Amino acid sequence: MLREREIQLSHLRLSGLEFGQESHANVTLLFLHGWLDNAASFTPILETLELTAQQKNWHLLSIDLAGHGLSQHRSADNFYPFHDYIADIHELLTNIAPNKCILIGHSLGALIASCYSAAFPDKVQGLIQIEGLGPLSESADSSVERLRKGVLSRQRIQAKPTRRYKSQYDACLHRMHANQLTAKQLMPLIERGTYLDDGHWHWRYDAKLKCQSIYRMTEEQSLAYLQAIEFPNLLILGDRGFPQLTNAVMRKAALKHCHEVTVSGGHHCHIESSTQVSDLIATFVDKNSRKCDLNN
């Protein structure tokens, strides 16, 4: 059965959902969710994998990224720059010290996982990206306007009143429209990601997460991260997901040892096709964790 887990970093507390224990497990599967989602994004997959994890001695850990779900918000003067997530993951993995680790990221989580895998290959034995393929990029010509819009968005978000709902189901309806998912598919996310205060339901995530980035890499920089990933990796895309991922020929060519699979679903295909995605993850982990054992 899944249980809650809290991990104290030097600067904030991360929360998550867990099955097994890293110190006794052959391998830790670390799940990283997407922007404005939370650890429960992977609940159907975690529940499907529980029996396999028990049989094969795997540790499953899905965390709420900083400012999401039950994890602590960053300080008032911090606007969640992308690279800070990578530093969080490094401190997390340093603290829990798994025997082996495979990163599984969806959307923003895939961006974080790919960059971490490139920078710290000694900490990771495998990478699975779901509806994400390396860090976001744009042309250098956009840098000045990116900075301007990013700074202005910080002022706008801080002045904007937070959204509230009459019921938890109203919050669910909002996400159903935005993500094209059913209430049943979304409820684990909604239950973990909302709270009741003064008769209204509110999102738990930090409103500052909606601020625009003040910096993005160039495509050349993004490709350098993907080219640096030397170990096996799996790319899972939805057949109704983001078309720019399907058409990212240069990025796919930059990835060595990558296997691509398309499943039914949109950007949250890991929720819509959770059983198939669970099977893909289990096969990948089983194959590559055994390969690591043979190499040691």
C-alpha atoms as a PDB file:
ATOM      1  CA  MET A   1       0.000   0.000   0.000  1.00  0.00           C
ATOM      2  CA  LEU A   2       1.197   3.527  -0.780  1.00  0.00           C
ATOM      3  CA  ARG A   3       2.186   5.692   2.148  1.00  0.00           C
ATOM      4  CA  GLU A   4       3.106   9.337   2.632  1.00  0.00           C
ATOM      5  CA  ARG A   5       6.775  10.296   2.739  1.00  0.00           C
ATOM      6  CA  GLU A   6       8.408  13.544   3.832  1.00  0.00           C
ATOM      7  CA  ILE A   7      12.012  14.399   2.996  1.00  0.00           C
ATOM      8  CA  GLN A   8      13.657  17.432   4.547  1.00  0.00           C
ATOM      9  CA  LEU A   9      16.143  19.190   2.296  1.00  0.00           C
ATOM     10  CA  SER A  10      18.443  21.939   3.516  1.00  0.00           C
ATOM     11  CA  HIS A  11      16.034  24.656   2.389  1.00  0.00           C
ATOM     12  CA  LEU A  12      12.560  23.078   2.171  1.00  0.00           C
ATOM     13  CA  ARG A  13      10.458  19.987   2.815  1.00  0.00           C
ATOM     14  CA  LEU A  14       9.358  17.688   0.003  1.00  0.00           C
ATOM     15  CA  SER A  15       6.384  15.340   0.318  1.00  0.00           C
ATOM     16  CA  GLY A  16       5.511  12.321  -1.743  1.00  0.00           C
ATOM     17  CA  LEU A  17       3.911   8.908  -2.114  1.00  0.00           C
ATOM     18  CA  GLU A  18       5.994   5.806  -1.562  1.00  0.00           C
ATOM     19  CA  PHE A  19       6.015   2.031  -1.746  1.00  0.00           C
ATOM     20  CA  GLY A  20       8.969   0.090  -0.366  1.00  0.00           C
ATOM     21  CA  GLN A  21      12.157   1.457   1.145  1.00  0.00           C
ATOM     22  CA  GLU A  22      15.232   2.724  -0.682  1.00  0.00           C
ATOM     23  CA  SER A  23      17.819   1.241   1.691  1.00  0.00           C
ATOM     24  CA  HIS A  24      16.693  -2.353   1.072  1.00  0.00           C
ATOM     25  CA  ALA A  25      15.556  -2.067  -2.561  1.00  0.00           C
ATOM     26  CA  ASN A  26      17.445  -3.177  -5.655  1.00  0.00           C
ATOM     27  CA  VAL A  27      16.400  -0.014  -7.472  1.00  0.00           C
ATOM     28  CA  THR A  28      14.464   3.184  -6.739  1.00  0.00           C
ATOM     29  CA  LEU A  29      11.982   4.471  -9.314  1.00  0.00           C
ATOM     30  CA  LEU A  30      11.737   8.230  -8.781  1.00  0.00           C
ATOM     31  CA  PHE A  31       8.652   9.786 -10.392  1.00  0.00           C
ATOM     32  CA  LEU A  32       8.569  13.521 -11.223  1.00  0.00           C
ATOM     33  CA  HIS A  33       5.225  15.071 -12.174  1.00  0.00           C
ATOM     34  CA  GLY A  34       4.293  17.908 -14.515  1.00  0.00           C
ATOM     35  CA  TRP A  35       3.672  21.622 -13.982  1.00  0.00           C
ATOM     36  CA  LEU A  36       0.799  22.338 -11.536  1.00  0.00           C
ATOM     37  CA  ASP A  37       0.245  18.588 -11.034  1.00  0.00           C
ATOM     38  CA  ASN A  38       1.438  16.641  -7.991  1.00  0.00           C
ATOM     39  CA  ALA A  39       2.684  13.226  -6.900  1.00  0.00           C
ATOM     40  CA  ALA A  40      -0.810  11.732  -7.338  1.00  0.00           C
ATOM     41  CA  SER A  41      -0.396  12.167 -11.087  1.00  0.00           C
ATOM     42  CA  PHE A  42       1.299   8.762 -10.882  1.00  0.00           C
ATOM     43  CA  THR A  43      -1.097   7.099  -8.408  1.00  0.00           C
ATOM     44  CA  PRO A  44      -2.649   4.698 -10.984  1.00  0.00           C
ATOM     45  CA  ILE A  45       0.828   3.664 -12.140  1.00  0.00           C
ATOM     46  CA  LEU A  46       2.162   3.259  -8.608  1.00  0.00           C
ATOM     47  CA  GLU A  47      -0.813   1.103  -7.621  1.00  0.00           C
ATOM     48  CA  THR A  48      -0.408  -1.035 -10.744  1.00  0.00           C
ATOM     49  CA  LEU A  49       3.313  -1.500 -10.081  1.00  0.00           C
ATOM     50  CA  GLU A  50       2.979  -2.380  -6.376  1.00  0.00           C
ATOM     51  CA  LEU A  51       2.846  -6.159  -6.851  1.00  0.00           C
ATOM     52  CA  THR A  52       5.760  -6.156  -9.303  1.00  0.00           C
ATOM     53  CA  ALA A  53       7.725  -3.860  -7.002  1.00  0.00           C
ATOM     54  CA  GLN A  54       7.144  -6.223  -4.083  1.00  0.00           C
ATOM     55  CA  GLN A  55       8.216  -9.261  -6.098  1.00  0.00           C
ATOM     56  CA  LYS A  56      11.311  -7.628  -7.578  1.00  0.00           C
ATOM     57  CA  ASN A  57      12.256  -5.508  -4.563  1.00  0.00           C
ATOM     58  CA  TRP A  58      11.759  -2.092  -6.158  1.00  0.00           C
ATOM     59  CA  HIS A  59      11.297   1.155  -4.256  1.00  0.00           C
ATOM     60  CA  LEU A  60       8.653   3.494  -5.744  1.00  0.00           C
ATOM     61  CA  LEU A  61       8.761   7.190  -4.852  1.00  0.00           C
ATOM     62  CA  SER A  62       6.617   9.902  -6.443  1.00  0.00           C
ATOM     63  CA  ILE A  63       7.382  13.336  -5.046  1.00  0.00           C
ATOM     64  CA  ASP A  64       5.543  16.636  -5.037  1.00  0.00           C
ATOM     65  CA  LEU A  65       7.932  19.129  -6.595  1.00  0.00           C
ATOM     66  CA  ALA A  66       8.597  22.292  -4.587  1.00  0.00           C
ATOM     67  CA  GLY A  67       5.499  24.492  -4.494  1.00  0.00           C
ATOM     68  CA  HIS A  68       3.227  21.632  -5.613  1.00  0.00           C
ATOM     69  CA  GLY A  69       0.950  19.253  -3.726  1.00  0.00           C
ATOM     70  CA  LEU A  70       1.929  18.827  -0.082  1.00  0.00           C
ATOM     71  CA  SER A  71       5.518  19.997  -0.538  1.00  0.00           C
ATOM     72  CA  GLN A  72       6.660  23.259   0.966  1.00  0.00           C
ATOM     73  CA  HIS A  73       6.515  26.476  -1.056  1.00  0.00           C
ATOM     74  CA  ARG A  74       9.753  28.268  -1.781  1.00  0.00           C
ATOM     75  CA  SER A  75      10.496  31.565  -0.038  1.00  0.00           C
ATOM     76  CA  ALA A  76       8.521  34.662  -1.024  1.00  0.00           C
ATOM     77  CA  ASP A  77      11.387  36.016  -3.130  1.00  0.00           C
ATOM     78  CA  ASN A  78      11.864  32.778  -5.130  1.00  0.00           C
ATOM     79  CA  PHE A  79       9.981  32.363  -8.409  1.00  0.00           C
ATOM     80  CA  TYR A  80      10.826  28.721  -9.171  1.00  0.00           C
ATOM     81  CA  PRO A  81      13.614  28.964 -11.746  1.00  0.00           C
ATOM     82  CA  PHE A  82      13.933  25.697 -13.636  1.00  0.00           C
ATOM     83  CA  HIS A  83      17.451  24.849 -12.479  1.00  0.00           C
ATOM     84  CA  ASP A  84      16.424  24.926  -8.808  1.00  0.00           C
ATOM     85  CA  TYR A  85      14.338  21.787  -9.384  1.00  0.00           C
ATOM     86  CA  ILE A  86      17.480  20.002 -10.564  1.00  0.00           C
ATOM     87  CA  ALA A  87      19.316  21.065  -7.412  1.00  0.00           C
ATOM     88  CA  ASP A  88      16.380  19.749  -5.337  1.00  0.00           C
ATOM     89  CA  ILE A  89      16.556  16.349  -7.037  1.00  0.00           C
ATOM     90  CA  HIS A  90      20.298  16.162  -6.484  1.00  0.00           C
ATOM     91  CA  GLU A  91      19.939  16.863  -2.770  1.00  0.00           C
ATOM     92  CA  LEU A  92      17.033  14.411  -2.543  1.00  0.00           C
ATOM     93  CA  LEU A  93      19.018  11.588  -4.147  1.00  0.00           C
ATOM     94  CA  THR A  94      22.077  12.429  -2.072  1.00  0.00           C
ATOM     95  CA  ASN A  95      19.949  12.190   1.078  1.00  0.00           C
ATOM     96  CA  ILE A  96      18.126   8.940   0.353  1.00  0.00           C
ATOM     97  CA  ALA A  97      21.146   7.319  -1.388  1.00  0.00           C
ATOM     98  CA  PRO A  98      19.316   4.611  -3.386  1.00  0.00           C
ATOM     99  CA  ASN A  99      21.269   1.545  -4.518  1.00  0.00           C
ATOM    100  CA  LYS A 100      20.271   2.331  -8.102  1.00  0.00           C
ATOM    101  CA  CYS A 101      17.887   4.932  -9.517  1.00  0.00           C
ATOM    102  CA  ILE A 102      15.718   5.235 -12.603  1.00  0.00           C
ATOM    103  CA  LEU A 103      14.048   8.597 -13.235  1.00  0.00           C
ATOM    104  CA  ILE A 104      10.525   8.758 -14.661  1.00  0.00           C
ATOM    105  CA  GLY A 105       9.258  12.224 -15.532  1.00  0.00           C
ATOM    106  CA  HIS A 106       6.105  13.605 -17.099  1.00  0.00           C
ATOM    107  CA  SER A 107       6.147  16.992 -18.874  1.00  0.00           C
ATOM    108  CA  LEU A 108       8.044  19.370 -16.541  1.00  0.00           C
ATOM    109  CA  GLY A 109       9.223  16.290 -14.663  1.00  0.00           C
ATOM    110  CA  ALA A 110      10.683  14.895 -17.896  1.00  0.00           C
ATOM    111  CA  LEU A 111      12.534  18.166 -18.502  1.00  0.00           C
ATOM    112  CA  ILE A 112      14.011  18.020 -15.008  1.00  0.00           C
ATOM    113  CA  ALA A 113      14.855  14.322 -15.280  1.00  0.00           C
ATOM    114  CA  SER A 114      16.615  14.704 -18.633  1.00  0.00           C
ATOM    115  CA  CYS A 115      18.792  17.581 -17.433  1.00  0.00           C
ATOM    116  CA  TYR A 116      19.651  15.794 -14.201  1.00  0.00           C
ATOM    117  CA  SER A 117      20.511  12.620 -16.103  1.00  0.00           C
ATOM    118  CA  ALA A 118      22.901  14.572 -18.323  1.00  0.00           C
ATOM    119  CA  ALA A 119      24.607  16.409 -15.466  1.00  0.00           C
ATOM    120  CA  PHE A 120      24.805  13.519 -12.968  1.00  0.00           C
ATOM    121  CA  PRO A 121      25.098  10.242 -14.909  1.00  0.00           C
ATOM    122  CA  ASP A 122      26.700   8.588 -11.875  1.00  0.00           C
ATOM    123  CA  LYS A 123      23.425   8.969  -9.950  1.00  0.00           C
ATOM    124  CA  VAL A 124      21.061   7.506 -12.566  1.00  0.00           C
ATOM    125  CA  GLN A 125      20.855   4.169 -14.385  1.00  0.00           C
ATOM    126  CA  GLY A 126      17.909   4.879 -16.667  1.00  0.00           C
ATOM    127  CA  LEU A 127      15.538   7.604 -17.847  1.00  0.00           C
ATOM    128  CA  ILE A 128      11.884   7.510 -18.913  1.00  0.00           C
ATOM    129  CA  GLN A 129      10.395  10.691 -20.393  1.00  0.00           C
ATOM    130  CA  ILE A 130       6.615  10.917 -20.781  1.00  0.00           C
ATOM    131  CA  GLU A 131       5.340  13.737 -23.002  1.00  0.00           C
ATOM    132  CA  GLY A 132       8.585  15.629 -22.524  1.00  0.00           C
ATOM    133  CA  LEU A 133      11.870  15.615 -24.408  1.00  0.00           C
ATOM    134  CA  GLY A 134      14.694  17.654 -22.943  1.00  0.00           C
ATOM    135  CA  PRO A 135      14.521  21.245 -21.642  1.00  0.00           C
ATOM    136  CA  LEU A 136      12.396  23.951 -23.259  1.00  0.00           C
ATOM    137  CA  SER A 137      14.238  26.241 -25.651  1.00  0.00           C
ATOM    138  CA  GLU A 138      13.790  29.283 -27.860  1.00  0.00           C
ATOM    139  CA  SER A 139      15.947  31.420 -30.122  1.00  0.00           C
ATOM    140  CA  ALA A 140      18.506  33.798 -28.641  1.00  0.00           C
ATOM    141  CA  ASP A 141      16.627  36.632 -30.363  1.00  0.00           C
ATOM    142  CA  SER A 142      13.785  36.114 -27.875  1.00  0.00           C
ATOM    143  CA  SER A 143      15.962  36.627 -24.784  1.00  0.00           C
ATOM    144  CA  VAL A 144      15.238  40.311 -24.188  1.00  0.00           C
ATOM    145  CA  GLU A 145      11.480  39.939 -24.599  1.00  0.00           C
ATOM    146  CA  ARG A 146      11.564  36.798 -22.451  1.00  0.00           C
ATOM    147  CA  LEU A 147      13.206  38.773 -19.629  1.00  0.00           C
ATOM    148  CA  ARG A 148      10.716  41.625 -19.933  1.00  0.00           C
ATOM    149  CA  LYS A 149       7.646  39.371 -19.928  1.00  0.00           C
ATOM    150  CA  GLY A 150       9.021  37.285 -17.083  1.00  0.00           C
ATOM    151  CA  VAL A 151       9.562  40.259 -14.791  1.00  0.00           C
ATOM    152  CA  LEU A 152       6.153  41.748 -15.604  1.00  0.00           C
ATOM    153  CA  SER A 153       4.433  38.404 -14.996  1.00  0.00           C
ATOM    154  CA  ARG A 154       5.842  38.343 -11.457  1.00  0.00           C
ATOM    155  CA  GLN A 155       4.166  41.638 -10.669  1.00  0.00           C
ATOM    156  CA  ARG A 156       0.913  40.548 -12.282  1.00  0.00           C
ATOM    157  CA  ILE A 157       0.697  37.192 -10.495  1.00  0.00           C
ATOM    158  CA  GLN A 158       1.448  38.684  -7.087  1.00  0.00           C
ATOM    159  CA  ALA A 159      -1.335  41.237  -7.525  1.00  0.00           C
ATOM    160  CA  LYS A 160      -3.879  38.718  -8.821  1.00  0.00           C
ATOM    161  CA  PRO A 161      -6.382  37.239  -6.313  1.00  0.00           C
ATOM    162  CA  THR A 162      -6.182  33.470  -5.932  1.00  0.00           C
ATOM    163  CA  ARG A 163      -8.866  31.357  -7.575  1.00  0.00           C
ATOM    164  CA  ARG A 164     -11.345  29.644  -5.260  1.00  0.00           C
ATOM    165  CA  TYR A 165     -14.216  27.205  -5.787  1.00  0.00           C
ATOM    166  CA  LYS A 166     -17.503  26.429  -4.054  1.00  0.00           C
ATOM    167  CA  SER A 167     -16.750  22.705  -4.088  1.00  0.00           C
ATOM    168  CA  GLN A 168     -13.876  20.358  -4.727  1.00  0.00           C
ATOM    169  CA  TYR A 169     -15.784  19.089  -7.742  1.00  0.00           C
ATOM    170  CA  ASP A 170     -15.838  22.612  -9.200  1.00  0.00           C
ATOM    171  CA  ALA A 171     -12.039  22.590  -9.019  1.00  0.00           C
ATOM    172  CA  CYS A 172     -12.129  19.224 -10.745  1.00  0.00           C
ATOM    173  CA  LEU A 173     -14.366  20.618 -13.502  1.00  0.00           C
ATOM    174  CA  HIS A 174     -11.807  23.353 -14.143  1.00  0.00           C
ATOM    175  CA  ARG A 175      -9.047  20.779 -14.624  1.00  0.00           C
ATOM    176  CA  MET A 176     -11.305  18.514 -16.682  1.00  0.00           C
ATOM    177  CA  HIS A 177     -11.731  21.322 -19.185  1.00  0.00           C
ATOM    178  CA  ALA A 178      -8.047  22.271 -19.162  1.00  0.00           C
ATOM    179  CA  ASN A 179      -6.624  18.729 -19.388  1.00  0.00           C
ATOM    180  CA  GLN A 180      -9.349  16.839 -21.271  1.00  0.00           C
ATOM    181  CA  LEU A 181      -9.536  14.181 -18.555  1.00  0.00           C
ATOM    182  CA  THR A 182     -12.465  12.642 -16.687  1.00  0.00           C
ATOM    183  CA  ALA A 183     -13.359  13.369 -13.065  1.00  0.00           C
ATOM    184  CA  LYS A 184     -12.365   9.817 -12.103  1.00  0.00           C
ATOM    185  CA  GLN A 185      -8.955  10.237 -13.731  1.00  0.00           C
ATOM    186  CA  LEU A 186      -8.367  13.594 -12.056  1.00  0.00           C
ATOM    187  CA  MET A 187      -9.659  13.000  -8.532  1.00  0.00           C
ATOM    188  CA  PRO A 188      -6.356  11.717  -7.057  1.00  0.00           C
ATOM    189  CA  LEU A 189      -4.707  14.936  -8.279  1.00  0.00           C
ATOM    190  CA  ILE A 190      -7.577  17.110  -7.053  1.00  0.00           C
ATOM    191  CA  GLU A 191      -7.754  15.513  -3.604  1.00  0.00           C
ATOM    192  CA  ARG A 192      -4.028  15.996  -3.074  1.00  0.00           C
ATOM    193  CA  GLY A 193      -3.882  19.406  -4.724  1.00  0.00           C
ATOM    194  CA  THR A 194      -6.730  21.325  -3.033  1.00  0.00           C
ATOM    195  CA  TYR A 195      -7.697  22.400   0.480  1.00  0.00           C
ATOM    196  CA  LEU A 196     -10.805  23.827   2.166  1.00  0.00           C
ATOM    197  CA  ASP A 197     -10.576  27.227   3.849  1.00  0.00           C
ATOM    198  CA  ASP A 198     -13.396  29.515   4.982  1.00  0.00           C
ATOM    199  CA  GLY A 199     -15.999  27.554   3.040  1.00  0.00           C
ATOM    200  CA  HIS A 200     -14.132  27.569  -0.293  1.00  0.00           C
ATOM    201  CA  TRP A 201     -11.712  25.213  -2.028  1.00  0.00           C
ATOM    202  CA  HIS A 202      -8.288  26.468  -3.072  1.00  0.00           C
ATOM    203  CA  TRP A 203      -5.320  25.054  -5.001  1.00  0.00           C
ATOM    204  CA  ARG A 204      -2.368  24.074  -2.841  1.00  0.00           C
ATOM    205  CA  TYR A 205       0.243  24.998  -5.439  1.00  0.00           C
ATOM    206  CA  ASP A 206       2.164  28.256  -5.107  1.00  0.00           C
ATOM    207  CA  ALA A 207       0.636  30.913  -7.381  1.00  0.00           C
ATOM    208  CA  LYS A 208       4.164  32.047  -8.283  1.00  0.00           C
ATOM    209  CA  LEU A 209       4.490  28.869 -10.352  1.00  0.00           C
ATOM    210  CA  LYS A 210       2.371  30.612 -12.993  1.00  0.00           C
ATOM    211  CA  CYS A 211       4.989  33.315 -13.553  1.00  0.00           C
ATOM    212  CA  GLN A 212       6.735  33.147 -16.907  1.00  0.00           C
ATOM    213  CA  SER A 213      10.378  32.109 -17.000  1.00  0.00           C
ATOM    214  CA  ILE A 214      12.873  34.936 -17.336  1.00  0.00           C
ATOM    215  CA  TYR A 215      15.336  32.659 -19.146  1.00  0.00           C
ATOM    216  CA  ARG A 216      15.251  29.743 -21.565  1.00  0.00           C
ATOM    217  CA  MET A 217      18.029  27.778 -23.197  1.00  0.00           C
ATOM    218  CA  THR A 218      18.740  27.918 -26.895  1.00  0.00           C
ATOM    219  CA  GLU A 219      18.018  24.783 -28.913  1.00  0.00           C
ATOM    220  CA  GLU A 220      21.762  24.174 -29.198  1.00  0.00           C
ATOM    221  CA  GLN A 221      22.022  24.073 -25.407  1.00  0.00           C
ATOM    222  CA  SER A 222      19.017  21.761 -25.097  1.00  0.00           C
ATOM    223  CA  LEU A 223      20.496  19.349 -27.622  1.00  0.00           C
ATOM    224  CA  ALA A 224      23.748  19.291 -25.650  1.00  0.00           C
ATOM    225  CA  TYR A 225      21.855  17.956 -22.618  1.00  0.00           C
ATOM    226  CA  LEU A 226      20.200  15.203 -24.630  1.00  0.00           C
ATOM    227  CA  GLN A 227      23.476  14.248 -26.308  1.00  0.00           C
ATOM    228  CA  ALA A 228      25.110  13.852 -22.887  1.00  0.00           C
ATOM    229  CA  ILE A 229      22.690  11.094 -21.797  1.00  0.00           C
ATOM    230  CA  GLU A 230      24.632   7.877 -22.307  1.00  0.00           C
ATOM    231  CA  PHE A 231      22.454   5.264 -20.583  1.00  0.00           C
ATOM    232  CA  PRO A 232      19.245   3.558 -21.794  1.00  0.00           C
ATOM    233  CA  ASN A 233      16.168   5.743 -22.010  1.00  0.00           C
ATOM    234  CA  LEU A 234      12.545   5.436 -23.024  1.00  0.00           C
ATOM    235  CA  LEU A 235      10.338   8.099 -24.606  1.00  0.00           C
ATOM    236  CA  ILE A 236       6.561   7.688 -24.191  1.00  0.00           C
ATOM    237  CA  LEU A 237       4.282   9.988 -26.195  1.00  0.00           C
ATOM    238  CA  GLY A 238       0.500  10.236 -26.447  1.00  0.00           C
ATOM    239  CA  ASP A 239      -1.081   9.866 -29.867  1.00  0.00           C
ATOM    240  CA  ARG A 240      -2.980  13.079 -29.079  1.00  0.00           C
ATOM    241  CA  GLY A 241      -0.150  14.680 -27.142  1.00  0.00           C
ATOM    242  CA  PHE A 242       1.934  17.729 -27.984  1.00  0.00           C
ATOM    243  CA  PRO A 243       2.701  17.582 -31.737  1.00  0.00           C
ATOM    244  CA  GLN A 244       6.021  19.385 -31.291  1.00  0.00           C
ATOM    245  CA  LEU A 245       7.267  16.334 -29.402  1.00  0.00           C
ATOM    246  CA  THR A 246       6.216  13.926 -32.133  1.00  0.00           C
ATOM    247  CA  ASN A 247       7.952  16.123 -34.710  1.00  0.00           C
ATOM    248  CA  ALA A 248      11.149  16.770 -32.700  1.00  0.00           C
ATOM    249  CA  VAL A 249      13.426  14.967 -35.166  1.00  0.00           C
ATOM    250  CA  MET A 250      16.673  16.635 -34.086  1.00  0.00           C
ATOM    251  CA  ARG A 251      16.029  16.010 -30.405  1.00  0.00           C
ATOM    252  CA  LYS A 252      15.217  12.356 -30.934  1.00  0.00           C
ATOM    253  CA  ALA A 253      18.368  11.959 -33.021  1.00  0.00           C
ATOM    254  CA  ALA A 254      20.413  13.502 -30.195  1.00  0.00           C
ATOM    255  CA  LEU A 255      19.323  10.804 -27.730  1.00  0.00           C
ATOM    256  CA  LYS A 256      21.466   7.683 -27.719  1.00  0.00           C
ATOM    257  CA  HIS A 257      19.999   4.319 -26.710  1.00  0.00           C
ATOM    258  CA  CYS A 258      16.425   5.663 -26.864  1.00  0.00           C
ATOM    259  CA  HIS A 259      13.319   3.612 -27.550  1.00  0.00           C
ATOM    260  CA  GLU A 260      10.133   5.518 -28.462  1.00  0.00           C
ATOM    261  CA  VAL A 261       6.601   4.251 -27.840  1.00  0.00           C
ATOM    262  CA  THR A 262       3.278   5.941 -28.621  1.00  0.00           C
ATOM    263  CA  VAL A 263       0.268   5.165 -26.422  1.00  0.00           C
ATOM    264  CA  SER A 264      -3.354   6.244 -26.516  1.00  0.00           C
ATOM    265  CA  GLY A 265      -4.004   9.615 -24.918  1.00  0.00           C
ATOM    266  CA  GLY A 266      -3.172  13.287 -24.831  1.00  0.00           C
ATOM    267  CA  HIS A 267      -0.551  15.141 -22.826  1.00  0.00           C
ATOM    268  CA  HIS A 268      -1.537  13.162 -19.694  1.00  0.00           C
ATOM    269  CA  CYS A 269      -1.358   9.831 -21.519  1.00  0.00           C
ATOM    270  CA  HIS A 270       0.208   8.193 -18.442  1.00  0.00           C
ATOM    271  CA  ILE A 271      -3.136   8.724 -16.698  1.00  0.00           C
ATOM    272  CA  GLU A 272      -5.340   7.790 -19.667  1.00  0.00           C
ATOM    273  CA  SER A 273      -3.303   4.666 -20.532  1.00  0.00           C
ATOM    274  CA  SER A 274      -1.922   3.938 -17.075  1.00  0.00           C
ATOM    275  CA  THR A 275      -1.906   0.142 -17.454  1.00  0.00           C
ATOM    276  CA  GLN A 276       0.057   0.206 -20.712  1.00  0.00           C
ATOM    277  CA  VAL A 277       2.475   2.829 -19.400  1.00  0.00           C
ATOM    278  CA  SER A 278       2.946   0.781 -16.213  1.00  0.00           C
ATOM    279  CA  ASP A 279       3.832  -2.260 -18.316  1.00  0.00           C
ATOM    280  CA  LEU A 280       6.320  -0.214 -20.355  1.00  0.00           C
ATOM    281  CA  ILE A 281       7.945   1.095 -17.180  1.00  0.00           C
ATOM    282  CA  ALA A 282       8.131  -2.370 -15.603  1.00  0.00           C
ATOM    283  CA  THR A 283       9.719  -3.884 -18.711  1.00  0.00           C
ATOM    284  CA  PHE A 284      12.246  -1.055 -18.978  1.00  0.00           C
ATOM    285  CA  VAL A 285      13.197  -1.173 -15.296  1.00  0.00           C
ATOM    286  CA  ASP A 286      13.452  -4.964 -15.215  1.00  0.00           C
ATOM    287  CA  LYS A 287      15.696  -5.046 -18.270  1.00  0.00           C
ATOM    288  CA  ASN A 288      17.973  -2.184 -17.295  1.00  0.00           C
ATOM    289  CA  SER A 289      18.280  -2.901 -13.581  1.00  0.00           C
ATOM    290  CA  ARG A 290      19.402  -6.447 -14.452  1.00  0.00           C
ATOM    291  CA  LYS A 291      21.836  -5.049 -17.014  1.00  0.00           C
ATOM    292  CA  CYS A 292      23.340  -2.827 -14.304  1.00  0.00           C
ATOM    293  CA  ASP A 293      23.759  -5.874 -12.043  1.00  0.00           C
ATOM    294  CA  LEU A 294      25.624  -7.742 -14.787  1.00  0.00           C
ATOM    295  CA  ASN A 295      27.934  -4.779 -15.346  1.00  0.00           C
ATOM    296  CA  ASN A 296      28.817  -4.484 -11.636  1.00  0.00           C
END
